[in-house]
Amino acid sequence: MKYYNTAGLIEGFIEKPDKAVYSMVFLVEGQLALRLNITHQATVSESCGVPVEKVYQWLWEEGNEIFLRETFSQGTTITVKAKDVINGNIITSFDNLEKHEE
């Protein structure tokens, strides 16, 4: 993992991308709180609005918004797909996003 940014108690780390997803891990006080993924397919979709060049900035901003707006279990993984985002905005309700708890 590669350090990305810190906001208060939240630290963001980039996970090595694979061919299918880009991932950012969010730690709170050193503990895994959230893993946010966006599929590669989403980043190449014209309507998505999240280009590969800005994918980690987008993951960082969206992850922080999720911390502010939503309630989820520690260690949750959320995967955003092409159908979930338009013009850089997640349009799928939080409850309907693909989630896994670790």
N, C-alpha and C. Protein backbone atom coordinates (compact mmCIF):
# COMPACT_ATOMS: atom_id res chain seq x y z
N MET A 1 0.85 -1.19 0.00
CA MET A 1 0.00 0.00 0.00
C MET A 1 0.89 1.24 0.00
N LYS A 2 0.37 2.27 -0.64
CA LYS A 2 1.10 3.53 -0.74
C LYS A 2 0.26 4.62 -0.08
N TYR A 3 0.87 5.38 0.82
CA TYR A 3 0.18 6.46 1.50
C TYR A 3 -0.35 7.46 0.48
N TYR A 4 -1.58 7.95 0.71
CA TYR A 4 -2.18 8.95 -0.17
C TYR A 4 -2.43 10.28 0.54
N ASN A 5 -3.20 10.25 1.65
CA ASN A 5 -3.59 11.51 2.30
C ASN A 5 -4.13 11.22 3.70
N THR A 6 -4.25 12.30 4.50
CA THR A 6 -4.83 12.22 5.83
C THR A 6 -5.83 13.35 6.01
N ALA A 7 -6.96 13.04 6.66
CA ALA A 7 -7.94 14.06 7.04
C ALA A 7 -8.42 13.69 8.44
N GLY A 8 -7.99 14.47 9.44
CA GLY A 8 -8.34 14.14 10.82
C GLY A 8 -7.78 12.79 11.20
N LEU A 9 -8.66 11.89 11.64
CA LEU A 9 -8.23 10.54 12.04
C LEU A 9 -8.20 9.56 10.87
N ILE A 10 -8.62 10.01 9.69
CA ILE A 10 -8.73 9.12 8.52
C ILE A 10 -7.46 9.21 7.68
N GLU A 11 -6.87 8.06 7.40
CA GLU A 11 -5.72 7.98 6.50
C GLU A 11 -6.12 7.16 5.28
N GLY A 12 -5.71 7.61 4.11
CA GLY A 12 -6.00 6.89 2.87
C GLY A 12 -4.75 6.31 2.27
N PHE A 13 -4.86 5.07 1.81
CA PHE A 13 -3.75 4.37 1.19
C PHE A 13 -4.21 3.76 -0.12
N ILE A 14 -3.38 3.87 -1.14
CA ILE A 14 -3.67 3.30 -2.44
C ILE A 14 -3.21 1.85 -2.45
N GLU A 15 -4.10 0.96 -2.85
CA GLU A 15 -3.70 -0.43 -3.05
C GLU A 15 -3.25 -0.58 -4.50
N LYS A 16 -2.32 -1.47 -4.71
CA LYS A 16 -1.83 -1.70 -6.06
C LYS A 16 -3.00 -2.09 -6.96
N PRO A 17 -3.18 -1.38 -8.07
CA PRO A 17 -4.33 -1.70 -8.93
C PRO A 17 -4.16 -3.05 -9.62
N ASP A 18 -5.28 -3.69 -9.83
CA ASP A 18 -5.25 -4.87 -10.68
C ASP A 18 -6.02 -4.51 -11.95
N LYS A 19 -6.24 -5.46 -12.80
CA LYS A 19 -6.88 -5.15 -14.08
C LYS A 19 -8.36 -4.83 -13.94
N ALA A 20 -8.95 -5.21 -12.83
CA ALA A 20 -10.40 -5.06 -12.69
C ALA A 20 -10.83 -3.85 -11.86
N VAL A 21 -10.06 -3.49 -10.81
CA VAL A 21 -10.49 -2.42 -9.91
C VAL A 21 -9.32 -1.55 -9.45
N TYR A 22 -9.67 -0.32 -9.10
CA TYR A 22 -8.78 0.59 -8.39
C TYR A 22 -9.30 0.66 -6.97
N SER A 23 -8.40 0.65 -5.97
CA SER A 23 -8.83 0.59 -4.58
C SER A 23 -8.10 1.60 -3.71
N MET A 24 -8.85 2.13 -2.74
CA MET A 24 -8.25 2.94 -1.69
C MET A 24 -8.72 2.37 -0.36
N VAL A 25 -7.77 2.22 0.55
CA VAL A 25 -8.05 1.71 1.88
C VAL A 25 -8.04 2.89 2.83
N PHE A 26 -9.06 2.95 3.68
CA PHE A 26 -9.18 4.02 4.68
C PHE A 26 -8.99 3.42 6.06
N LEU A 27 -8.02 3.96 6.79
CA LEU A 27 -7.75 3.52 8.14
C LEU A 27 -8.17 4.61 9.11
N VAL A 28 -8.75 4.22 10.23
CA VAL A 28 -9.08 5.15 11.31
C VAL A 28 -8.33 4.65 12.54
N GLU A 29 -7.45 5.49 13.04
CA GLU A 29 -6.59 5.13 14.17
C GLU A 29 -5.88 3.81 13.91
N GLY A 30 -5.40 3.63 12.67
CA GLY A 30 -4.63 2.45 12.31
C GLY A 30 -5.43 1.20 12.01
N GLN A 31 -6.75 1.26 12.12
CA GLN A 31 -7.61 0.09 11.87
C GLN A 31 -8.35 0.25 10.55
N LEU A 32 -8.46 -0.85 9.81
CA LEU A 32 -9.19 -0.84 8.54
C LEU A 32 -10.64 -0.46 8.80
N ALA A 33 -11.08 0.63 8.18
CA ALA A 33 -12.46 1.08 8.33
C ALA A 33 -13.25 0.85 7.04
N LEU A 34 -12.60 1.11 5.90
CA LEU A 34 -13.31 1.05 4.62
C LEU A 34 -12.32 0.77 3.51
N ARG A 35 -12.73 -0.07 2.56
CA ARG A 35 -12.01 -0.23 1.30
C ARG A 35 -13.00 0.19 0.22
N LEU A 36 -12.63 1.21 -0.54
CA LEU A 36 -13.50 1.70 -1.60
C LEU A 36 -12.86 1.35 -2.94
N ASN A 37 -13.63 0.66 -3.77
CA ASN A 37 -13.17 0.24 -5.09
C ASN A 37 -14.02 0.91 -6.16
N ILE A 38 -13.40 1.14 -7.31
CA ILE A 38 -14.15 1.50 -8.51
C ILE A 38 -13.61 0.60 -9.61
N THR A 39 -14.50 0.03 -10.39
CA THR A 39 -14.07 -0.89 -11.43
C THR A 39 -13.38 -0.13 -12.56
N HIS A 40 -12.46 -0.82 -13.20
CA HIS A 40 -11.79 -0.24 -14.38
C HIS A 40 -12.83 0.05 -15.45
N GLN A 41 -13.81 -0.82 -15.59
CA GLN A 41 -14.87 -0.63 -16.58
C GLN A 41 -15.58 0.71 -16.35
N ALA A 42 -15.79 1.09 -15.10
CA ALA A 42 -16.42 2.38 -14.80
C ALA A 42 -15.55 3.54 -15.27
N THR A 43 -14.25 3.44 -15.04
CA THR A 43 -13.36 4.56 -15.39
C THR A 43 -13.24 4.77 -16.89
N VAL A 44 -13.50 3.76 -17.67
CA VAL A 44 -13.43 3.92 -19.13
C VAL A 44 -14.80 4.21 -19.74
N SER A 45 -15.84 4.21 -18.93
CA SER A 45 -17.17 4.54 -19.40
C SER A 45 -17.28 6.06 -19.58
N GLU A 46 -17.76 6.50 -20.73
CA GLU A 46 -17.87 7.94 -21.01
C GLU A 46 -18.76 8.66 -20.01
N SER A 47 -19.83 8.04 -19.58
CA SER A 47 -20.77 8.72 -18.68
C SER A 47 -20.30 8.77 -17.24
N CYS A 48 -19.33 7.96 -16.88
CA CYS A 48 -18.86 7.86 -15.49
C CYS A 48 -18.27 9.17 -15.00
N GLY A 49 -17.39 9.77 -15.77
CA GLY A 49 -16.78 11.03 -15.36
C GLY A 49 -15.66 10.88 -14.35
N VAL A 50 -15.11 9.68 -14.22
CA VAL A 50 -13.97 9.44 -13.33
C VAL A 50 -12.84 8.87 -14.18
N PRO A 51 -12.03 9.74 -14.78
CA PRO A 51 -10.94 9.24 -15.62
C PRO A 51 -9.85 8.58 -14.78
N VAL A 52 -9.14 7.66 -15.39
CA VAL A 52 -8.07 6.93 -14.70
C VAL A 52 -7.09 7.91 -14.07
N GLU A 53 -6.80 9.03 -14.73
CA GLU A 53 -5.83 10.00 -14.22
C GLU A 53 -6.27 10.61 -12.88
N LYS A 54 -7.56 10.60 -12.59
CA LYS A 54 -8.06 11.22 -11.36
C LYS A 54 -8.75 10.22 -10.44
N VAL A 55 -8.56 8.93 -10.68
CA VAL A 55 -9.31 7.91 -9.95
C VAL A 55 -9.00 7.94 -8.45
N TYR A 56 -7.75 8.15 -8.07
CA TYR A 56 -7.43 8.13 -6.64
C TYR A 56 -7.92 9.38 -5.93
N GLN A 57 -7.89 10.50 -6.61
CA GLN A 57 -8.48 11.72 -6.03
C GLN A 57 -9.97 11.50 -5.81
N TRP A 58 -10.64 10.89 -6.78
CA TRP A 58 -12.08 10.61 -6.66
C TRP A 58 -12.35 9.64 -5.52
N LEU A 59 -11.56 8.57 -5.43
CA LEU A 59 -11.75 7.60 -4.34
C LEU A 59 -11.58 8.26 -2.98
N TRP A 60 -10.56 9.12 -2.84
CA TRP A 60 -10.31 9.82 -1.58
C TRP A 60 -11.51 10.70 -1.23
N GLU A 61 -11.98 11.51 -2.17
CA GLU A 61 -13.09 12.42 -1.90
C GLU A 61 -14.38 11.67 -1.60
N GLU A 62 -14.68 10.65 -2.39
CA GLU A 62 -15.91 9.88 -2.16
C GLU A 62 -15.84 9.10 -0.85
N GLY A 63 -14.69 8.54 -0.55
CA GLY A 63 -14.53 7.81 0.71
C GLY A 63 -14.78 8.71 1.90
N ASN A 64 -14.25 9.91 1.86
CA ASN A 64 -14.49 10.86 2.96
C ASN A 64 -15.95 11.26 3.05
N GLU A 65 -16.62 11.41 1.92
CA GLU A 65 -18.06 11.71 1.93
C GLU A 65 -18.85 10.55 2.54
N ILE A 66 -18.46 9.34 2.23
CA ILE A 66 -19.14 8.17 2.80
C ILE A 66 -19.01 8.18 4.32
N PHE A 67 -17.82 8.52 4.84
CA PHE A 67 -17.64 8.61 6.29
C PHE A 67 -18.57 9.65 6.90
N LEU A 68 -18.80 10.74 6.21
CA LEU A 68 -19.64 11.82 6.73
C LEU A 68 -21.13 11.49 6.67
N ARG A 69 -21.56 10.77 5.61
CA ARG A 69 -22.99 10.60 5.35
C ARG A 69 -23.57 9.26 5.75
N GLU A 70 -22.76 8.22 5.78
CA GLU A 70 -23.31 6.86 5.89
C GLU A 70 -22.84 6.14 7.15
N THR A 71 -23.60 5.12 7.51
CA THR A 71 -23.24 4.25 8.61
C THR A 71 -22.92 2.88 8.01
N PHE A 72 -21.78 2.33 8.38
CA PHE A 72 -21.38 1.03 7.85
C PHE A 72 -20.48 0.34 8.87
N SER A 73 -20.33 -0.95 8.72
CA SER A 73 -19.49 -1.74 9.62
C SER A 73 -18.02 -1.51 9.33
N GLN A 74 -17.23 -1.51 10.40
CA GLN A 74 -15.77 -1.41 10.26
C GLN A 74 -15.29 -2.52 9.33
N GLY A 75 -14.42 -2.20 8.38
CA GLY A 75 -13.86 -3.19 7.48
C GLY A 75 -14.71 -3.49 6.26
N THR A 76 -15.68 -2.64 5.96
CA THR A 76 -16.55 -2.84 4.81
C THR A 76 -15.81 -2.52 3.51
N THR A 77 -16.05 -3.33 2.49
CA THR A 77 -15.56 -3.06 1.14
C THR A 77 -16.75 -2.67 0.28
N ILE A 78 -16.62 -1.55 -0.42
CA ILE A 78 -17.66 -1.08 -1.32
C ILE A 78 -17.07 -1.03 -2.72
N THR A 79 -17.77 -1.59 -3.69
CA THR A 79 -17.32 -1.57 -5.07
C THR A 79 -18.32 -0.78 -5.91
N VAL A 80 -17.82 0.28 -6.53
CA VAL A 80 -18.63 1.14 -7.40
C VAL A 80 -18.42 0.67 -8.83
N LYS A 81 -19.52 0.40 -9.52
CA LYS A 81 -19.48 -0.08 -10.90
C LYS A 81 -19.95 1.03 -11.84
N ALA A 82 -19.80 0.81 -13.14
CA ALA A 82 -20.16 1.81 -14.14
C ALA A 82 -21.61 2.27 -13.99
N LYS A 83 -22.51 1.37 -13.67
CA LYS A 83 -23.93 1.72 -13.54
C LYS A 83 -24.21 2.59 -12.31
N ASP A 84 -23.24 2.67 -11.39
CA ASP A 84 -23.44 3.38 -10.13
C ASP A 84 -23.02 4.84 -10.15
N VAL A 85 -22.33 5.28 -11.20
CA VAL A 85 -21.77 6.63 -11.20
C VAL A 85 -21.94 7.31 -12.56
N ILE A 86 -22.39 8.56 -12.51
CA ILE A 86 -22.53 9.39 -13.70
C ILE A 86 -21.93 10.75 -13.40
N ASN A 87 -21.12 11.24 -14.32
CA ASN A 87 -20.46 12.55 -14.18
C ASN A 87 -19.74 12.70 -12.84
N GLY A 88 -19.14 11.62 -12.37
CA GLY A 88 -18.38 11.66 -11.13
C GLY A 88 -19.20 11.57 -9.87
N ASN A 89 -20.51 11.42 -10.00
CA ASN A 89 -21.40 11.34 -8.84
C ASN A 89 -21.99 9.94 -8.72
N ILE A 90 -21.93 9.40 -7.50
CA ILE A 90 -22.56 8.10 -7.27
C ILE A 90 -24.07 8.31 -7.27
N ILE A 91 -24.74 7.62 -8.19
CA ILE A 91 -26.19 7.79 -8.32
C ILE A 91 -26.97 6.66 -7.66
N THR A 92 -26.30 5.55 -7.38
CA THR A 92 -26.94 4.42 -6.71
C THR A 92 -27.00 4.72 -5.22
N SER A 93 -28.14 4.43 -4.60
CA SER A 93 -28.24 4.67 -3.17
C SER A 93 -27.20 3.80 -2.44
N PHE A 94 -26.74 4.31 -1.31
CA PHE A 94 -25.70 3.62 -0.55
C PHE A 94 -26.13 2.19 -0.23
N ASP A 95 -27.38 2.00 0.13
CA ASP A 95 -27.87 0.66 0.49
C ASP A 95 -27.80 -0.32 -0.67
N ASN A 96 -27.80 0.18 -1.91
CA ASN A 96 -27.79 -0.70 -3.08
C ASN A 96 -26.42 -0.87 -3.73
N LEU A 97 -25.38 -0.23 -3.17
CA LEU A 97 -24.03 -0.45 -3.68
C LEU A 97 -23.54 -1.83 -3.25
N GLU A 98 -22.66 -2.42 -4.06
CA GLU A 98 -22.09 -3.73 -3.71
C GLU A 98 -21.19 -3.58 -2.50
N LYS A 99 -21.50 -4.31 -1.42
CA LYS A 99 -20.73 -4.23 -0.18
C LYS A 99 -20.39 -5.62 0.34
N HIS A 100 -19.21 -5.70 0.96
CA HIS A 100 -18.78 -6.93 1.63
C HIS A 100 -18.14 -6.51 2.94
N GLU A 101 -18.37 -7.28 3.98
CA GLU A 101 -17.72 -7.02 5.26
C GLU A 101 -16.59 -8.01 5.44
N GLU A 102 -15.45 -7.51 5.93
CA GLU A 102 -14.28 -8.38 6.12
C GLU A 102 -14.18 -8.85 7.53
